Amino acid sequence: MPASTPVKCPICGKPAAPDTTPFCTSRHRDRDLLQWLGEGYRIPGRPISPTGLDSDEDAD
């Protein structure tokens, strides 16, 4: 069986710690969580209509 590739912290690139994988420290883990909670990470989608989400435009 091939050796597994060491997991690197997505924040700084250092090796991940076993108790905070995939992050190297709990500080970096918390920083990533705050990015999610503060909408720092976004997935682009199609624009919504000017009338808002309650529009029947896409209803089938």
Protein backbone atom coordinates (compact mmCIF):
# COMPACT_ATOMS: atom_id res chain seq x y z
CA MET A 1 0.00 0.00 0.00
CA PRO A 2 1.49 3.40 -0.96
CA ALA A 3 2.36 5.89 1.74
CA SER A 4 -0.28 8.55 2.23
CA THR A 5 0.48 12.14 1.35
CA PRO A 6 0.78 14.32 4.44
CA VAL A 7 -2.16 16.67 4.88
CA LYS A 8 -1.21 20.34 4.68
CA CYS A 9 -3.02 23.14 6.46
CA PRO A 10 -5.16 25.06 3.92
CA ILE A 11 -4.36 28.34 5.72
CA CYS A 12 -0.55 28.22 5.89
CA GLY A 13 0.60 24.98 4.23
CA LYS A 14 2.28 23.51 7.33
CA PRO A 15 1.64 19.85 8.21
CA ALA A 16 -1.72 19.24 9.88
CA ALA A 17 -1.90 18.31 13.55
CA PRO A 18 -3.78 15.07 14.34
CA ASP A 19 -6.25 16.75 16.70
CA THR A 20 -7.08 19.65 14.33
CA THR A 21 -6.85 17.98 10.89
CA PRO A 22 -6.82 19.38 8.24
CA PHE A 23 -5.46 22.44 10.07
CA CYS A 24 -2.13 22.81 11.89
CA THR A 25 -3.60 24.61 14.92
CA SER A 26 -6.98 25.25 16.52
CA ARG A 27 -6.42 28.92 15.72
CA HIS A 28 -6.42 28.18 11.99
CA ARG A 29 -9.44 25.87 12.40
CA ASP A 30 -11.34 28.70 14.14
CA ARG A 31 -10.24 31.20 11.48
CA ASP A 32 -11.70 28.95 8.78
CA LEU A 33 -14.97 28.58 10.71
CA LEU A 34 -15.27 32.35 11.02
CA GLN A 35 -14.79 32.67 7.26
CA TRP A 36 -17.78 30.35 6.74
CA LEU A 37 -19.92 32.06 9.35
CA GLY A 38 -19.08 35.54 8.07
CA GLU A 39 -19.86 34.55 4.47
CA GLY A 40 -16.21 34.89 3.49
CA TYR A 41 -16.56 31.77 1.34
CA ARG A 42 -19.23 32.00 -1.33
CA ILE A 43 -20.33 29.79 -4.17
CA PRO A 44 -21.48 31.84 -7.15
CA GLY A 45 -24.95 31.18 -8.47
CA ARG A 46 -27.28 32.65 -10.97
CA PRO A 47 -28.66 36.10 -10.16
CA ILE A 48 -32.06 36.33 -8.50
CA SER A 49 -34.85 38.38 -9.97
CA PRO A 50 -35.29 41.98 -8.74
CA THR A 51 -38.60 40.98 -7.14
CA GLY A 52 -36.80 38.60 -4.77
CA LEU A 53 -36.99 34.93 -3.88
CA ASP A 54 -40.80 34.78 -3.67
CA SER A 55 -41.17 35.20 -7.41
CA ASP A 56 -43.06 32.48 -9.32
CA GLU A 57 -40.79 32.99 -12.32
CA ASP A 58 -39.10 29.56 -12.01
CA ALA A 59 -42.05 27.64 -10.58
CA ASP A 60 -43.04 24.48 -12.44
